[in-house]
Amino acid sequence: MQTKLPILHETLLSYDIKTRDILAINEDAYTSLTKHLSTGDISKTAQPNLIVGESGSGKTFLMKRLCGSIKKDTGNTLHPIVIEGKTLFSTEDIWLQCVLQLKTEQSDDCFDTILKWQELSSKRIVLFVDNIQYYFERTDNTEQYGLRGKLNRRGAPILIASSEQVLPAFTEYDAAFFDGFKITYLKPLSLSAIEDFTKGKYDIVRLEKIMSYMPKTIRSMFIAIEILDKSDDSKKDLTFLSDYFFSHYQERFDATSIQTQRILSALSQSDSGLTLSEIRKITRQGNGKISPYLKLMADQRLINKEAKTLRGGVYFIIDQLFKLWLRHNTAPIIKNELP
């Protein structure tokens, strides 16, 4: 399973976002949602839309494109509001954030304030909520029924949300949003899509090598392209990549114990992982000083163990980008001691 690296997954920020309009990824979903927004009657009830896809599939970028499209093409009738789901702990948080972003006079009933703003401006709000799973995990069914009830009112804001997966709150029969979302599924970002985007401008072999250390996300692709723009030699590509995340991994490394650092440094030098006896030989530490730390590191998801036998096994670093950073920035191990 691919390691999830939060630093490489963009969040949808609540200020004006500049997007690369030329990036045609998830084009079918973009076209369908754009048509839904441009042809709907702004005075009628609109079914909420949910964009579902695993990390890196382009959910956030798709929402950015839709937000940009509204501002460019339908700004006279629609008004986008962007909210990050991690900031939501209640339904009222949604309406309060809307009012704050509209910069209108706040009343005791934020939802009523929103409806009045729409009436005065002759525009309908399109409410983008990225990572809406946080809202559903933090609220109960009664509160969610309240949200659906307000969204079902004529002329209420149009909700377009994203989630990494379809939650029980969307599928269980007695759930407030049972059959309530029109769901659009996104596939993971593929190498062929990246190759189509680069249009032969970049060495795809070098780009694929850089991307192999990162999750397949839009941001990862931009990082890889940025590295190729400034690297004149394939041998420098991974050094640039390691430098790109130097501060993040330096802090992560410094936060560990000396014994953990010693083991990580050893593991980073091997491509195939190390057994307990190999770690002991390279670090020159006894079993009693190695085994407890290996268990702790496994519990912290720093390393994993692939067991060949009940007693044996090979240990390796889970985060390949962290491993790359360690290899470039920790004391080198004598190569002839490695398997």
C-alpha atoms as a PDB file:
ATOM      1  CA  MET A   1       0.000   0.000   0.000  1.00  0.00           C
ATOM      2  CA  GLN A   2       1.315   3.442  -0.899  1.00  0.00           C
ATOM      3  CA  THR A   3       2.558   5.526   1.999  1.00  0.00           C
ATOM      4  CA  LYS A   4       0.439   8.578   2.704  1.00  0.00           C
ATOM      5  CA  LEU A   5       2.538  11.721   3.008  1.00  0.00           C
ATOM      6  CA  PRO A   6       0.469  14.668   4.261  1.00  0.00           C
ATOM      7  CA  ILE A   7       3.082  17.178   3.084  1.00  0.00           C
ATOM      8  CA  LEU A   8       2.407  16.072  -0.492  1.00  0.00           C
ATOM      9  CA  HIS A   9      -1.382  16.360  -0.429  1.00  0.00           C
ATOM     10  CA  GLU A  10      -2.661  19.849  -1.155  1.00  0.00           C
ATOM     11  CA  THR A  11      -5.583  21.238   0.779  1.00  0.00           C
ATOM     12  CA  LEU A  12      -8.095  23.605  -0.760  1.00  0.00           C
ATOM     13  CA  LEU A  13      -7.432  27.005   0.776  1.00  0.00           C
ATOM     14  CA  SER A  14     -10.210  29.496   1.369  1.00  0.00           C
ATOM     15  CA  TYR A  15      -8.706  32.404  -0.513  1.00  0.00           C
ATOM     16  CA  ASP A  16      -8.560  33.141  -4.238  1.00  0.00           C
ATOM     17  CA  ILE A  17      -6.731  30.274  -5.921  1.00  0.00           C
ATOM     18  CA  LYS A  18      -4.804  30.494  -9.173  1.00  0.00           C
ATOM     19  CA  THR A  19      -4.984  27.224 -11.068  1.00  0.00           C
ATOM     20  CA  ARG A  20      -3.326  25.882 -14.176  1.00  0.00           C
ATOM     21  CA  ASP A  21      -6.245  25.809 -16.578  1.00  0.00           C
ATOM     22  CA  ILE A  22      -4.209  23.804 -19.054  1.00  0.00           C
ATOM     23  CA  LEU A  23      -4.105  20.807 -16.734  1.00  0.00           C
ATOM     24  CA  ALA A  24      -6.749  18.510 -18.198  1.00  0.00           C
ATOM     25  CA  ILE A  25      -7.021  15.746 -15.608  1.00  0.00           C
ATOM     26  CA  ASN A  26     -10.370  14.179 -14.657  1.00  0.00           C
ATOM     27  CA  GLU A  27     -11.799  16.039 -17.643  1.00  0.00           C
ATOM     28  CA  ASP A  28     -15.031  14.032 -17.814  1.00  0.00           C
ATOM     29  CA  ALA A  29     -15.844  14.862 -14.196  1.00  0.00           C
ATOM     30  CA  TYR A  30     -14.926  18.513 -14.717  1.00  0.00           C
ATOM     31  CA  THR A  31     -17.149  18.802 -17.799  1.00  0.00           C
ATOM     32  CA  SER A  32     -20.091  17.107 -16.069  1.00  0.00           C
ATOM     33  CA  LEU A  33     -19.917  19.269 -12.948  1.00  0.00           C
ATOM     34  CA  THR A  34     -19.394  22.454 -14.951  1.00  0.00           C
ATOM     35  CA  LYS A  35     -22.482  21.662 -17.022  1.00  0.00           C
ATOM     36  CA  HIS A  36     -24.440  20.952 -13.827  1.00  0.00           C
ATOM     37  CA  LEU A  37     -23.525  24.380 -12.456  1.00  0.00           C
ATOM     38  CA  SER A  38     -24.029  26.368 -15.651  1.00  0.00           C
ATOM     39  CA  THR A  39     -27.404  24.955 -16.698  1.00  0.00           C
ATOM     40  CA  GLY A  40     -29.198  24.683 -13.360  1.00  0.00           C
ATOM     41  CA  ASP A  41     -31.974  27.060 -12.293  1.00  0.00           C
ATOM     42  CA  ILE A  42     -30.474  29.103  -9.438  1.00  0.00           C
ATOM     43  CA  SER A  43     -33.870  29.416  -7.761  1.00  0.00           C
ATOM     44  CA  LYS A  44     -34.524  25.659  -7.466  1.00  0.00           C
ATOM     45  CA  THR A  45     -33.271  22.942  -5.141  1.00  0.00           C
ATOM     46  CA  ALA A  46     -29.925  21.485  -6.247  1.00  0.00           C
ATOM     47  CA  GLN A  47     -28.762  17.972  -5.390  1.00  0.00           C
ATOM     48  CA  PRO A  48     -25.419  17.989  -3.509  1.00  0.00           C
ATOM     49  CA  ASN A  49     -22.461  16.509  -5.374  1.00  0.00           C
ATOM     50  CA  LEU A  50     -19.747  14.369  -3.797  1.00  0.00           C
ATOM     51  CA  ILE A  51     -16.347  13.810  -5.419  1.00  0.00           C
ATOM     52  CA  VAL A  52     -14.816  10.536  -4.196  1.00  0.00           C
ATOM     53  CA  GLY A  53     -11.275   9.344  -4.792  1.00  0.00           C
ATOM     54  CA  GLU A  54      -8.208   8.180  -2.935  1.00  0.00           C
ATOM     55  CA  SER A  55      -5.413  10.553  -1.985  1.00  0.00           C
ATOM     56  CA  GLY A  56      -3.759  11.899  -5.105  1.00  0.00           C
ATOM     57  CA  SER A  57      -6.659  11.275  -7.475  1.00  0.00           C
ATOM     58  CA  GLY A  58      -7.089  15.020  -8.038  1.00  0.00           C
ATOM     59  CA  LYS A  59     -10.193  15.812  -5.964  1.00  0.00           C
ATOM     60  CA  THR A  60      -8.806  19.069  -4.627  1.00  0.00           C
ATOM     61  CA  PHE A  61      -7.447  20.165  -7.981  1.00  0.00           C
ATOM     62  CA  LEU A  62     -10.790  19.415  -9.638  1.00  0.00           C
ATOM     63  CA  MET A  63     -12.527  21.616  -7.071  1.00  0.00           C
ATOM     64  CA  LYS A  64      -9.994  24.368  -7.721  1.00  0.00           C
ATOM     65  CA  ARG A  65     -10.714  24.212 -11.434  1.00  0.00           C
ATOM     66  CA  LEU A  66     -14.474  24.379 -10.795  1.00  0.00           C
ATOM     67  CA  CYS A  67     -13.978  27.328  -8.472  1.00  0.00           C
ATOM     68  CA  GLY A  68     -11.900  29.111 -11.119  1.00  0.00           C
ATOM     69  CA  SER A  69     -14.461  28.303 -13.811  1.00  0.00           C
ATOM     70  CA  ILE A  70     -17.261  29.898 -11.783  1.00  0.00           C
ATOM     71  CA  LYS A  71     -15.265  33.093 -11.268  1.00  0.00           C
ATOM     72  CA  LYS A  72     -14.383  33.253 -14.948  1.00  0.00           C
ATOM     73  CA  ASP A  73     -17.590  32.169 -16.690  1.00  0.00           C
ATOM     74  CA  THR A  74     -20.598  32.316 -14.338  1.00  0.00           C
ATOM     75  CA  GLY A  75     -19.622  34.927 -11.769  1.00  0.00           C
ATOM     76  CA  ASN A  76     -22.715  36.962 -12.566  1.00  0.00           C
ATOM     77  CA  THR A  77     -25.023  34.230 -11.224  1.00  0.00           C
ATOM     78  CA  LEU A  78     -22.864  32.029  -8.987  1.00  0.00           C
ATOM     79  CA  HIS A  79     -20.452  32.777  -6.146  1.00  0.00           C
ATOM     80  CA  PRO A  80     -17.953  30.155  -4.883  1.00  0.00           C
ATOM     81  CA  ILE A  81     -17.189  29.691  -1.195  1.00  0.00           C
ATOM     82  CA  VAL A  82     -14.389  27.295  -0.237  1.00  0.00           C
ATOM     83  CA  ILE A  83     -14.167  25.555   3.144  1.00  0.00           C
ATOM     84  CA  GLU A  84     -11.671  22.996   4.425  1.00  0.00           C
ATOM     85  CA  GLY A  85     -13.515  20.124   6.116  1.00  0.00           C
ATOM     86  CA  LYS A  86     -10.911  19.812   8.856  1.00  0.00           C
ATOM     87  CA  THR A  87     -12.168  23.132  10.281  1.00  0.00           C
ATOM     88  CA  LEU A  88     -15.755  21.931  10.685  1.00  0.00           C
ATOM     89  CA  PHE A  89     -17.077  20.635  13.987  1.00  0.00           C
ATOM     90  CA  SER A  90     -20.763  21.485  13.519  1.00  0.00           C
ATOM     91  CA  THR A  91     -23.239  22.539  10.839  1.00  0.00           C
ATOM     92  CA  GLU A  92     -23.192  26.060  12.210  1.00  0.00           C
ATOM     93  CA  ASP A  93     -19.459  26.219  11.416  1.00  0.00           C
ATOM     94  CA  ILE A  94     -20.353  25.863   7.719  1.00  0.00           C
ATOM     95  CA  TRP A  95     -22.769  28.784   7.699  1.00  0.00           C
ATOM     96  CA  LEU A  96     -20.534  30.939   9.906  1.00  0.00           C
ATOM     97  CA  GLN A  97     -17.553  30.471   7.590  1.00  0.00           C
ATOM     98  CA  CYS A  98     -19.775  31.372   4.625  1.00  0.00           C
ATOM     99  CA  VAL A  99     -20.864  34.608   6.270  1.00  0.00           C
ATOM    100  CA  LEU A 100     -17.283  35.515   7.204  1.00  0.00           C
ATOM    101  CA  GLN A 101     -16.097  34.965   3.637  1.00  0.00           C
ATOM    102  CA  LEU A 102     -19.002  36.980   2.230  1.00  0.00           C
ATOM    103  CA  LYS A 103     -17.919  39.842   4.522  1.00  0.00           C
ATOM    104  CA  THR A 104     -21.525  40.723   5.163  1.00  0.00           C
ATOM    105  CA  GLU A 105     -23.203  41.824   8.347  1.00  0.00           C
ATOM    106  CA  GLN A 106     -23.670  38.847  10.657  1.00  0.00           C
ATOM    107  CA  SER A 107     -26.963  38.056  12.388  1.00  0.00           C
ATOM    108  CA  ASP A 108     -28.025  35.427  14.907  1.00  0.00           C
ATOM    109  CA  ASP A 109     -29.077  33.125  12.050  1.00  0.00           C
ATOM    110  CA  CYS A 110     -26.111  32.739   9.672  1.00  0.00           C
ATOM    111  CA  PHE A 111     -28.071  30.637   7.186  1.00  0.00           C
ATOM    112  CA  ASP A 112     -30.746  33.320   6.938  1.00  0.00           C
ATOM    113  CA  THR A 113     -27.971  35.890   6.398  1.00  0.00           C
ATOM    114  CA  ILE A 114     -26.679  33.810   3.485  1.00  0.00           C
ATOM    115  CA  LEU A 115     -30.111  33.602   1.853  1.00  0.00           C
ATOM    116  CA  LYS A 116     -30.544  37.365   2.177  1.00  0.00           C
ATOM    117  CA  TRP A 117     -27.103  37.961   0.639  1.00  0.00           C
ATOM    118  CA  GLN A 118     -28.061  35.753  -2.315  1.00  0.00           C
ATOM    119  CA  GLU A 119     -31.317  37.646  -2.784  1.00  0.00           C
ATOM    120  CA  LEU A 120     -29.636  41.054  -2.712  1.00  0.00           C
ATOM    121  CA  SER A 121     -26.788  40.053  -5.015  1.00  0.00           C
ATOM    122  CA  SER A 122     -28.888  37.874  -7.380  1.00  0.00           C
ATOM    123  CA  LYS A 123     -26.250  35.161  -7.032  1.00  0.00           C
ATOM    124  CA  ARG A 124     -26.316  31.648  -5.676  1.00  0.00           C
ATOM    125  CA  ILE A 125     -23.495  30.338  -3.518  1.00  0.00           C
ATOM    126  CA  VAL A 126     -21.632  27.220  -4.605  1.00  0.00           C
ATOM    127  CA  LEU A 127     -20.253  25.753  -1.413  1.00  0.00           C
ATOM    128  CA  PHE A 128     -17.055  23.722  -1.918  1.00  0.00           C
ATOM    129  CA  VAL A 129     -16.165  21.590   1.114  1.00  0.00           C
ATOM    130  CA  ASP A 130     -12.911  19.678   0.747  1.00  0.00           C
ATOM    131  CA  ASN A 131     -12.492  16.613   3.000  1.00  0.00           C
ATOM    132  CA  ILE A 132     -16.107  16.667   4.146  1.00  0.00           C
ATOM    133  CA  GLN A 133     -15.569  13.328   5.911  1.00  0.00           C
ATOM    134  CA  TYR A 134     -14.339  15.315   8.926  1.00  0.00           C
ATOM    135  CA  TYR A 135     -17.757  16.967   9.287  1.00  0.00           C
ATOM    136  CA  PHE A 136     -19.598  13.638   9.109  1.00  0.00           C
ATOM    137  CA  GLU A 137     -17.237  11.961  11.575  1.00  0.00           C
ATOM    138  CA  ARG A 138     -17.685  14.794  14.113  1.00  0.00           C
ATOM    139  CA  THR A 139     -21.466  15.298  13.966  1.00  0.00           C
ATOM    140  CA  ASP A 140     -24.429  13.058  14.682  1.00  0.00           C
ATOM    141  CA  ASN A 141     -27.260  12.026  12.386  1.00  0.00           C
ATOM    142  CA  THR A 142     -29.674  14.579  13.847  1.00  0.00           C
ATOM    143  CA  GLU A 143     -27.369  17.464  13.009  1.00  0.00           C
ATOM    144  CA  GLN A 144     -26.748  16.036   9.542  1.00  0.00           C
ATOM    145  CA  TYR A 145     -30.516  15.889   8.952  1.00  0.00           C
ATOM    146  CA  GLY A 146     -30.567  19.597   9.771  1.00  0.00           C
ATOM    147  CA  LEU A 147     -27.908  20.271   7.136  1.00  0.00           C
ATOM    148  CA  ARG A 148     -29.749  18.294   4.485  1.00  0.00           C
ATOM    149  CA  GLY A 149     -33.010  20.034   5.321  1.00  0.00           C
ATOM    150  CA  LYS A 150     -31.476  23.463   4.707  1.00  0.00           C
ATOM    151  CA  LEU A 151     -29.726  22.357   1.526  1.00  0.00           C
ATOM    152  CA  ASN A 152     -33.083  21.073   0.232  1.00  0.00           C
ATOM    153  CA  ARG A 153     -34.679  24.506   0.496  1.00  0.00           C
ATOM    154  CA  ARG A 154     -35.313  26.314  -2.787  1.00  0.00           C
ATOM    155  CA  GLY A 155     -32.378  28.517  -3.683  1.00  0.00           C
ATOM    156  CA  ALA A 156     -30.146  27.169  -0.894  1.00  0.00           C
ATOM    157  CA  PRO A 157     -26.368  27.040  -1.567  1.00  0.00           C
ATOM    158  CA  ILE A 158     -25.225  24.285  -3.906  1.00  0.00           C
ATOM    159  CA  LEU A 159     -22.919  21.844  -2.105  1.00  0.00           C
ATOM    160  CA  ILE A 160     -19.973  20.237  -3.900  1.00  0.00           C
ATOM    161  CA  ALA A 161     -17.859  18.213  -1.487  1.00  0.00           C
ATOM    162  CA  SER A 162     -14.998  15.737  -1.572  1.00  0.00           C
ATOM    163  CA  SER A 163     -14.161  12.628   0.432  1.00  0.00           C
ATOM    164  CA  GLU A 164     -11.564   9.890   0.153  1.00  0.00           C
ATOM    165  CA  GLN A 165     -14.251   7.236   0.432  1.00  0.00           C
ATOM    166  CA  VAL A 166     -17.981   6.671   0.576  1.00  0.00           C
ATOM    167  CA  LEU A 167     -18.913   6.744   4.269  1.00  0.00           C
ATOM    168  CA  PRO A 168     -21.776   4.885   6.004  1.00  0.00           C
ATOM    169  CA  ALA A 169     -23.309   8.353   6.455  1.00  0.00           C
ATOM    170  CA  PHE A 170     -23.951   8.315   2.699  1.00  0.00           C
ATOM    171  CA  THR A 171     -25.163   4.730   2.312  1.00  0.00           C
ATOM    172  CA  GLU A 172     -27.014   3.553   5.447  1.00  0.00           C
ATOM    173  CA  TYR A 173     -30.774   3.605   5.023  1.00  0.00           C
ATOM    174  CA  ASP A 174     -31.478   5.701   8.131  1.00  0.00           C
ATOM    175  CA  ALA A 175     -28.593   8.126   7.504  1.00  0.00           C
ATOM    176  CA  ALA A 176     -29.474  11.758   6.820  1.00  0.00           C
ATOM    177  CA  PHE A 177     -27.676  11.747   3.462  1.00  0.00           C
ATOM    178  CA  PHE A 178     -28.802   8.287   2.329  1.00  0.00           C
ATOM    179  CA  ASP A 179     -29.073   8.625  -1.449  1.00  0.00           C
ATOM    180  CA  GLY A 180     -28.551  12.337  -0.920  1.00  0.00           C
ATOM    181  CA  PHE A 181     -25.364  12.873  -2.954  1.00  0.00           C
ATOM    182  CA  LYS A 182     -24.770  12.529  -6.646  1.00  0.00           C
ATOM    183  CA  ILE A 183     -21.379  10.787  -6.523  1.00  0.00           C
ATOM    184  CA  THR A 184     -18.522  11.267  -8.969  1.00  0.00           C
ATOM    185  CA  TYR A 185     -15.671   8.749  -8.680  1.00  0.00           C
ATOM    186  CA  LEU A 186     -12.113   9.677  -9.620  1.00  0.00           C
ATOM    187  CA  LYS A 187      -9.329   7.277 -10.536  1.00  0.00           C
ATOM    188  CA  PRO A 188      -5.790   7.703  -9.167  1.00  0.00           C
ATOM    189  CA  LEU A 189      -3.469   9.960 -11.159  1.00  0.00           C
ATOM    190  CA  SER A 190      -1.710   7.714 -13.682  1.00  0.00           C
ATOM    191  CA  LEU A 191       1.681   7.966 -15.329  1.00  0.00           C
ATOM    192  CA  SER A 192      -0.020   8.109 -18.733  1.00  0.00           C
ATOM    193  CA  ALA A 193      -2.014  11.177 -17.624  1.00  0.00           C
ATOM    194  CA  ILE A 194       1.215  12.808 -16.462  1.00  0.00           C
ATOM    195  CA  GLU A 195       2.889  11.943 -19.761  1.00  0.00           C
ATOM    196  CA  ASP A 196      -0.038  13.440 -21.691  1.00  0.00           C
ATOM    197  CA  PHE A 197       0.223  16.629 -19.641  1.00  0.00           C
ATOM    198  CA  THR A 198       3.985  17.056 -20.182  1.00  0.00           C
ATOM    199  CA  LYS A 199       3.519  16.526 -23.946  1.00  0.00           C
ATOM    200  CA  GLY A 200       7.064  15.219 -24.455  1.00  0.00           C
ATOM    201  CA  LYS A 201       8.695  18.269 -22.907  1.00  0.00           C
ATOM    202  CA  TYR A 202      10.291  16.247 -20.103  1.00  0.00           C
ATOM    203  CA  ASP A 203      12.230  12.998 -19.972  1.00  0.00           C
ATOM    204  CA  ILE A 204       9.481  10.631 -18.819  1.00  0.00           C
ATOM    205  CA  VAL A 205      11.995   8.118 -17.431  1.00  0.00           C
ATOM    206  CA  ARG A 206      13.548  10.761 -15.169  1.00  0.00           C
ATOM    207  CA  LEU A 207      10.131  12.101 -14.218  1.00  0.00           C
ATOM    208  CA  GLU A 208       8.894   8.603 -13.353  1.00  0.00           C
ATOM    209  CA  LYS A 209      11.992   7.993 -11.208  1.00  0.00           C
ATOM    210  CA  ILE A 210      11.355  11.160  -9.170  1.00  0.00           C
ATOM    211  CA  MET A 211       7.647  10.367  -8.865  1.00  0.00           C
ATOM    212  CA  SER A 212       8.416   6.854  -7.566  1.00  0.00           C
ATOM    213  CA  TYR A 213       9.394   8.424  -4.230  1.00  0.00           C
ATOM    214  CA  MET A 214       6.135  10.351  -3.886  1.00  0.00           C
ATOM    215  CA  PRO A 215       2.402   9.616  -3.939  1.00  0.00           C
ATOM    216  CA  LYS A 216       0.827  10.101  -7.361  1.00  0.00           C
ATOM    217  CA  THR A 217      -0.655  13.544  -6.726  1.00  0.00           C
ATOM    218  CA  ILE A 218      -0.899  16.732  -8.756  1.00  0.00           C
ATOM    219  CA  ARG A 219       1.459  18.495  -6.361  1.00  0.00           C
ATOM    220  CA  SER A 220       4.002  15.664  -6.637  1.00  0.00           C
ATOM    221  CA  MET A 221       3.903  16.040 -10.411  1.00  0.00           C
ATOM    222  CA  PHE A 222       4.551  19.778 -10.185  1.00  0.00           C
ATOM    223  CA  ILE A 223       7.461  19.140  -7.806  1.00  0.00           C
ATOM    224  CA  ALA A 224       8.961  16.607 -10.233  1.00  0.00           C
ATOM    225  CA  ILE A 225       8.578  19.034 -13.145  1.00  0.00           C
ATOM    226  CA  GLU A 226      10.151  21.835 -11.110  1.00  0.00           C
ATOM    227  CA  ILE A 227      13.146  19.603 -10.352  1.00  0.00           C
ATOM    228  CA  LEU A 228      13.592  18.714 -14.021  1.00  0.00           C
ATOM    229  CA  ASP A 229      13.425  22.415 -14.917  1.00  0.00           C
ATOM    230  CA  LYS A 230      16.477  23.165 -12.759  1.00  0.00           C
ATOM    231  CA  SER A 231      18.395  19.875 -12.935  1.00  0.00           C
ATOM    232  CA  ASP A 232      20.706  19.464 -15.909  1.00  0.00           C
ATOM    233  CA  ASP A 233      21.774  15.937 -14.962  1.00  0.00           C
ATOM    234  CA  SER A 234      19.731  12.904 -13.992  1.00  0.00           C
ATOM    235  CA  LYS A 235      22.260  12.172 -11.250  1.00  0.00           C
ATOM    236  CA  LYS A 236      21.218  15.396  -9.523  1.00  0.00           C
ATOM    237  CA  ASP A 237      17.464  14.792  -9.649  1.00  0.00           C
ATOM    238  CA  LEU A 238      17.176  12.860  -6.392  1.00  0.00           C
ATOM    239  CA  THR A 239      19.512  15.268  -4.607  1.00  0.00           C
ATOM    240  CA  PHE A 240      17.169  18.114  -5.538  1.00  0.00           C
ATOM    241  CA  LEU A 241      14.208  16.020  -4.359  1.00  0.00           C
ATOM    242  CA  SER A 242      15.905  15.307  -1.032  1.00  0.00           C
ATOM    243  CA  ASP A 243      16.731  18.997  -0.594  1.00  0.00           C
ATOM    244  CA  TYR A 244      13.140  19.983  -1.354  1.00  0.00           C
ATOM    245  CA  PHE A 245      11.966  18.337   1.879  1.00  0.00           C
ATOM    246  CA  PHE A 246      15.107  18.903   3.935  1.00  0.00           C
ATOM    247  CA  SER A 247      13.502  20.881   6.778  1.00  0.00           C
ATOM    248  CA  HIS A 248      10.533  18.513   7.158  1.00  0.00           C
ATOM    249  CA  TYR A 249      12.649  15.385   7.431  1.00  0.00           C
ATOM    250  CA  GLN A 250      15.369  17.063   9.483  1.00  0.00           C
ATOM    251  CA  GLU A 251      12.757  17.871  12.132  1.00  0.00           C
ATOM    252  CA  ARG A 252      11.384  14.347  11.944  1.00  0.00           C
ATOM    253  CA  PHE A 253      14.870  12.858  12.337  1.00  0.00           C
ATOM    254  CA  ASP A 254      15.833  15.173  15.209  1.00  0.00           C
ATOM    255  CA  ALA A 255      12.654  14.229  17.095  1.00  0.00           C
ATOM    256  CA  THR A 256      13.766  10.584  17.363  1.00  0.00           C
ATOM    257  CA  SER A 257      16.129   9.021  19.895  1.00  0.00           C
ATOM    258  CA  ILE A 258      19.825   8.481  19.161  1.00  0.00           C
ATOM    259  CA  GLN A 259      19.327   4.724  18.901  1.00  0.00           C
ATOM    260  CA  THR A 260      16.445   5.199  16.469  1.00  0.00           C
ATOM    261  CA  GLN A 261      18.611   7.540  14.387  1.00  0.00           C
ATOM    262  CA  ARG A 262      21.364   4.917  14.333  1.00  0.00           C
ATOM    263  CA  ILE A 263      18.983   2.225  13.078  1.00  0.00           C
ATOM    264  CA  LEU A 264      17.340   4.519  10.493  1.00  0.00           C
ATOM    265  CA  SER A 265      20.746   5.512   9.154  1.00  0.00           C
ATOM    266  CA  ALA A 266      21.676   1.855   8.728  1.00  0.00           C
ATOM    267  CA  LEU A 267      18.380   0.879   7.080  1.00  0.00           C
ATOM    268  CA  SER A 268      18.532   3.801   4.650  1.00  0.00           C
ATOM    269  CA  GLN A 269      21.737   2.476   3.076  1.00  0.00           C
ATOM    270  CA  SER A 270      20.247  -0.852   1.990  1.00  0.00           C
ATOM    271  CA  ASP A 271      17.943  -1.249  -1.012  1.00  0.00           C
ATOM    272  CA  SER A 272      16.599  -4.628   0.110  1.00  0.00           C
ATOM    273  CA  GLY A 273      16.181  -4.091   3.865  1.00  0.00           C
ATOM    274  CA  LEU A 274      18.165  -5.594   6.733  1.00  0.00           C
ATOM    275  CA  THR A 275      17.752  -8.505   9.112  1.00  0.00           C
ATOM    276  CA  LEU A 276      18.199  -8.100  12.852  1.00  0.00           C
ATOM    277  CA  SER A 277      21.673  -9.634  12.712  1.00  0.00           C
ATOM    278  CA  GLU A 278      22.673  -7.297   9.853  1.00  0.00           C
ATOM    279  CA  ILE A 279      21.416  -4.241  11.779  1.00  0.00           C
ATOM    280  CA  ARG A 280      23.322  -5.447  14.837  1.00  0.00           C
ATOM    281  CA  LYS A 281      26.513  -5.889  12.813  1.00  0.00           C
ATOM    282  CA  ILE A 282      26.317  -2.469  11.105  1.00  0.00           C
ATOM    283  CA  THR A 283      25.326  -0.491  14.199  1.00  0.00           C
ATOM    284  CA  ARG A 284      27.577  -2.543  16.501  1.00  0.00           C
ATOM    285  CA  GLN A 285      24.764  -2.775  19.030  1.00  0.00           C
ATOM    286  CA  GLY A 286      23.587  -5.855  20.921  1.00  0.00           C
ATOM    287  CA  ASN A 287      20.136  -7.450  20.557  1.00  0.00           C
ATOM    288  CA  GLY A 288      18.940  -5.905  23.808  1.00  0.00           C
ATOM    289  CA  LYS A 289      19.659  -2.440  22.466  1.00  0.00           C
ATOM    290  CA  ILE A 290      18.153  -3.076  19.026  1.00  0.00           C
ATOM    291  CA  SER A 291      14.980  -5.167  19.395  1.00  0.00           C
ATOM    292  CA  PRO A 292      12.999  -2.789  21.678  1.00  0.00           C
ATOM    293  CA  TYR A 293      13.640   0.103  19.316  1.00  0.00           C
ATOM    294  CA  LEU A 294      12.662  -1.924  16.264  1.00  0.00           C
ATOM    295  CA  LYS A 295       9.316  -2.705  17.907  1.00  0.00           C
ATOM    296  CA  LEU A 296       8.790   0.940  18.856  1.00  0.00           C
ATOM    297  CA  MET A 297       9.697   2.114  15.336  1.00  0.00           C
ATOM    298  CA  ALA A 298       7.266  -0.422  13.842  1.00  0.00           C
ATOM    299  CA  ASP A 299       4.498   0.814  16.157  1.00  0.00           C
ATOM    300  CA  GLN A 300       5.250   4.383  15.017  1.00  0.00           C
ATOM    301  CA  ARG A 301       5.060   3.282  11.354  1.00  0.00           C
ATOM    302  CA  LEU A 302       8.632   4.358  10.711  1.00  0.00           C
ATOM    303  CA  ILE A 303       9.601   0.855   9.628  1.00  0.00           C
ATOM    304  CA  ASN A 304       7.947  -2.397   8.643  1.00  0.00           C
ATOM    305  CA  LYS A 305       9.009  -6.010   8.842  1.00  0.00           C
ATOM    306  CA  GLU A 306       8.617  -8.595   6.142  1.00  0.00           C
ATOM    307  CA  ALA A 307       8.855 -11.925   7.928  1.00  0.00           C
ATOM    308  CA  LYS A 308      10.505 -14.777   6.065  1.00  0.00           C
ATOM    309  CA  THR A 309      10.164 -17.112   9.047  1.00  0.00           C
ATOM    310  CA  LEU A 310       8.505 -16.927  12.449  1.00  0.00           C
ATOM    311  CA  ARG A 311      11.741 -15.738  14.050  1.00  0.00           C
ATOM    312  CA  GLY A 312      13.412 -14.020  11.095  1.00  0.00           C
ATOM    313  CA  GLY A 313      12.489 -11.106   8.909  1.00  0.00           C
ATOM    314  CA  VAL A 314      13.719  -8.085   6.974  1.00  0.00           C
ATOM    315  CA  TYR A 315      13.213  -4.553   8.266  1.00  0.00           C
ATOM    316  CA  PHE A 316      12.801  -1.597   5.928  1.00  0.00           C
ATOM    317  CA  ILE A 317      11.812   2.085   6.086  1.00  0.00           C
ATOM    318  CA  ILE A 318       8.204   2.634   5.010  1.00  0.00           C
ATOM    319  CA  ASP A 319       8.481   6.214   3.717  1.00  0.00           C
ATOM    320  CA  GLN A 320      10.747   5.963   0.676  1.00  0.00           C
ATOM    321  CA  LEU A 321      11.185   9.734   0.515  1.00  0.00           C
ATOM    322  CA  PHE A 322      12.387   9.726   4.135  1.00  0.00           C
ATOM    323  CA  LYS A 323      14.744   6.891   3.233  1.00  0.00           C
ATOM    324  CA  LEU A 324      16.105   8.942   0.344  1.00  0.00           C
ATOM    325  CA  TRP A 325      16.627  11.927   2.650  1.00  0.00           C
ATOM    326  CA  LEU A 326      18.396   9.742   5.222  1.00  0.00           C
ATOM    327  CA  ARG A 327      20.654   8.299   2.555  1.00  0.00           C
ATOM    328  CA  HIS A 328      21.663  11.777   1.438  1.00  0.00           C
ATOM    329  CA  ASN A 329      21.950  13.380   4.858  1.00  0.00           C
ATOM    330  CA  THR A 330      23.056  10.855   7.493  1.00  0.00           C
ATOM    331  CA  ALA A 331      26.498   9.394   8.043  1.00  0.00           C
ATOM    332  CA  PRO A 332      27.333   6.856   5.315  1.00  0.00           C
ATOM    333  CA  ILE A 333      27.626   3.205   6.247  1.00  0.00           C
ATOM    334  CA  ILE A 334      30.621   1.171   5.023  1.00  0.00           C
ATOM    335  CA  LYS A 335      29.258  -0.379   1.852  1.00  0.00           C
ATOM    336  CA  ASN A 336      30.956  -3.775   2.230  1.00  0.00           C
ATOM    337  CA  GLU A 337      29.044  -4.296   5.461  1.00  0.00           C
ATOM    338  CA  LEU A 338      25.734  -4.147   3.645  1.00  0.00           C
ATOM    339  CA  PRO A 339      23.981  -7.199   2.203  1.00  0.00           C
END
